[in-house]
Every structure is written in C-alpha cells, then in structure tokens.
C-alpha cells in the first residue's frame, strides 16, 4: 500500500492547537490515518471545490486536499462544524 505524506497548513496547525485536549486526542489519529487511507470510510468530497475532502470527528471537521500524483494529503482547515464552512 502506498504511503501518503500528510502536511498541515500553518493555519490548520494553529486551529488544531487551539482545540480542547480531548478533541486533539481524537483528531491526531484521524489525521495520521490519512497517510494510509486518504479517502477513509465516511469521508466526503466537497461540492463546489475541485479537490477538497472532509472527514468528521464528532462535531469537528478536517478539510484537506489529496494529491495522488505526489502522494500528498494537504490538511487545510480543522475546526468545529458550525465554523468550518464560512
């Protein structure tokens, strides 16, 4: 199985750091899992974007792009579902 490299934008790193510790403990493994499976069960391709996907972790969402050619997962945003789509 191909291994993808997961990178976070600076803004995604900040968003992650500002979350409660209990939420971070759930999000980190979910992001790590994207290395093995960039399109896990339950992920959705976002309409209106060329290459943007999201995974759900409780009330939180991780938005990311997948670059299959270079095996890269680019995490763009992490946040509460009520704020993430603004």
C-alpha atoms as a PDB file:
ATOM      1  CA  UNK A   1       0.000   0.000   0.000  1.00  0.00           C
ATOM      2  CA  UNK A   2       1.263   3.458  -0.897  1.00  0.00           C
ATOM      3  CA  UNK A   3       2.111   5.785   1.970  1.00  0.00           C
ATOM      4  CA  UNK A   4       0.917   9.368   1.657  1.00  0.00           C
ATOM      5  CA  UNK A   5       2.652  12.285   3.353  1.00  0.00           C
ATOM      6  CA  UNK A   6       0.326  14.423   5.470  1.00  0.00           C
ATOM      7  CA  UNK A   7       1.144  18.124   5.794  1.00  0.00           C
ATOM      8  CA  UNK A   8      -0.785  20.801   7.660  1.00  0.00           C
ATOM      9  CA  UNK A   9      -1.003  24.432   6.618  1.00  0.00           C
ATOM     10  CA  UNK A  10       0.150  26.938   9.256  1.00  0.00           C
ATOM     11  CA  UNK A  11      -3.471  27.954   9.824  1.00  0.00           C
ATOM     12  CA  UNK A  12      -4.529  24.312  10.287  1.00  0.00           C
ATOM     13  CA  UNK A  13      -1.741  23.840  12.861  1.00  0.00           C
ATOM     14  CA  UNK A  14      -2.983  26.892  14.775  1.00  0.00           C
ATOM     15  CA  UNK A  15      -6.608  25.728  14.598  1.00  0.00           C
ATOM     16  CA  UNK A  16      -5.574  22.319  15.932  1.00  0.00           C
ATOM     17  CA  UNK A  17      -3.515  23.827  18.765  1.00  0.00           C
ATOM     18  CA  UNK A  18      -6.482  25.934  19.900  1.00  0.00           C
ATOM     19  CA  UNK A  19      -8.833  22.963  20.307  1.00  0.00           C
ATOM     20  CA  UNK A  20      -9.555  21.250  23.651  1.00  0.00           C
ATOM     21  CA  UNK A  21      -7.095  18.446  24.519  1.00  0.00           C
ATOM     22  CA  UNK A  22      -9.851  15.802  24.384  1.00  0.00           C
ATOM     23  CA  UNK A  23     -10.661  16.791  20.791  1.00  0.00           C
ATOM     24  CA  UNK A  24      -6.996  16.929  19.754  1.00  0.00           C
ATOM     25  CA  UNK A  25      -6.600  13.363  21.076  1.00  0.00           C
ATOM     26  CA  UNK A  26      -9.270  12.228  18.582  1.00  0.00           C
ATOM     27  CA  UNK A  27      -8.210  14.361  15.617  1.00  0.00           C
ATOM     28  CA  UNK A  28      -4.471  13.484  15.581  1.00  0.00           C
ATOM     29  CA  UNK A  29      -5.056   9.721  14.998  1.00  0.00           C
ATOM     30  CA  UNK A  30      -7.650  10.529  12.312  1.00  0.00           C
ATOM     31  CA  UNK A  31      -5.133  12.744  10.503  1.00  0.00           C
ATOM     32  CA  UNK A  32      -2.382  10.096  10.892  1.00  0.00           C
ATOM     33  CA  UNK A  33      -4.777   7.561   9.359  1.00  0.00           C
ATOM     34  CA  UNK A  34      -4.904   9.683   6.176  1.00  0.00           C
ATOM     35  CA  UNK A  35      -1.308   8.541   5.478  1.00  0.00           C
ATOM     36  CA  UNK A  36      -2.599   5.005   4.915  1.00  0.00           C
ATOM     37  CA  UNK A  37      -6.057   5.816   3.558  1.00  0.00           C
ATOM     38  CA  UNK A  38      -6.605   9.349   2.213  1.00  0.00           C
ATOM     39  CA  UNK A  39     -10.238   8.511   1.417  1.00  0.00           C
ATOM     40  CA  UNK A  40     -11.440   6.695   4.556  1.00  0.00           C
ATOM     41  CA  UNK A  41     -14.968   5.392   5.016  1.00  0.00           C
ATOM     42  CA  UNK A  42     -17.246   8.336   5.705  1.00  0.00           C
ATOM     43  CA  UNK A  43     -15.093  10.976   4.001  1.00  0.00           C
ATOM     44  CA  UNK A  44     -16.871  13.310   1.600  1.00  0.00           C
ATOM     45  CA  UNK A  45     -15.734  15.215  -1.452  1.00  0.00           C
ATOM     46  CA  UNK A  46     -16.924  18.779  -1.022  1.00  0.00           C
ATOM     47  CA  UNK A  47     -19.158  20.167  -3.752  1.00  0.00           C
ATOM     48  CA  UNK A  48     -18.012  23.364  -5.400  1.00  0.00           C
ATOM     49  CA  UNK A  49     -14.317  22.542  -4.915  1.00  0.00           C
ATOM     50  CA  UNK A  50     -12.075  20.795  -7.394  1.00  0.00           C
ATOM     51  CA  UNK A  51     -10.164  18.688  -4.910  1.00  0.00           C
ATOM     52  CA  UNK A  52     -11.329  19.239  -1.343  1.00  0.00           C
ATOM     53  CA  UNK A  53     -12.371  16.454   1.012  1.00  0.00           C
ATOM     54  CA  UNK A  54     -13.530  16.324   4.610  1.00  0.00           C
ATOM     55  CA  UNK A  55     -13.608  13.831   7.441  1.00  0.00           C
ATOM     56  CA  UNK A  56     -15.783  14.092  10.521  1.00  0.00           C
ATOM     57  CA  UNK A  57     -14.533  13.646  14.052  1.00  0.00           C
ATOM     58  CA  UNK A  58     -17.555  14.232  16.281  1.00  0.00           C
ATOM     59  CA  UNK A  59     -18.581  17.872  15.847  1.00  0.00           C
ATOM     60  CA  UNK A  60     -15.256  18.712  14.222  1.00  0.00           C
ATOM     61  CA  UNK A  61     -14.206  18.613  10.589  1.00  0.00           C
ATOM     62  CA  UNK A  62     -10.851  18.250   8.880  1.00  0.00           C
ATOM     63  CA  UNK A  63     -10.756  19.712   5.351  1.00  0.00           C
ATOM     64  CA  UNK A  64      -7.951  18.528   3.104  1.00  0.00           C
ATOM     65  CA  UNK A  65      -6.771  18.137  -0.483  1.00  0.00           C
ATOM     66  CA  UNK A  66      -5.383  14.906  -1.917  1.00  0.00           C
ATOM     67  CA  UNK A  67      -2.541  14.995  -4.444  1.00  0.00           C
ATOM     68  CA  UNK A  68      -2.406  11.407  -5.749  1.00  0.00           C
ATOM     69  CA  UNK A  69       0.458  12.053  -8.181  1.00  0.00           C
ATOM     70  CA  UNK A  70       2.899  13.043  -5.411  1.00  0.00           C
ATOM     71  CA  UNK A  71       1.179  11.043  -2.613  1.00  0.00           C
ATOM     72  CA  UNK A  72       0.382  14.112  -0.517  1.00  0.00           C
ATOM     73  CA  UNK A  73      -2.505  14.933   1.813  1.00  0.00           C
ATOM     74  CA  UNK A  74      -2.644  18.687   2.442  1.00  0.00           C
ATOM     75  CA  UNK A  75      -4.723  19.479   5.548  1.00  0.00           C
ATOM     76  CA  UNK A  76      -6.181  22.971   5.021  1.00  0.00           C
ATOM     77  CA  UNK A  77      -8.610  23.544   7.892  1.00  0.00           C
ATOM     78  CA  UNK A  78      -9.567  21.979  11.217  1.00  0.00           C
ATOM     79  CA  UNK A  79     -12.496  23.232  13.233  1.00  0.00           C
ATOM     80  CA  UNK A  80     -15.978  22.922  14.621  1.00  0.00           C
ATOM     81  CA  UNK A  81     -18.596  22.080  12.016  1.00  0.00           C
ATOM     82  CA  UNK A  82     -20.529  25.267  12.752  1.00  0.00           C
ATOM     83  CA  UNK A  83     -17.487  27.438  11.892  1.00  0.00           C
ATOM     84  CA  UNK A  84     -15.556  25.492   9.256  1.00  0.00           C
ATOM     85  CA  UNK A  85     -17.633  26.205   6.160  1.00  0.00           C
ATOM     86  CA  UNK A  86     -17.654  30.024   6.498  1.00  0.00           C
END
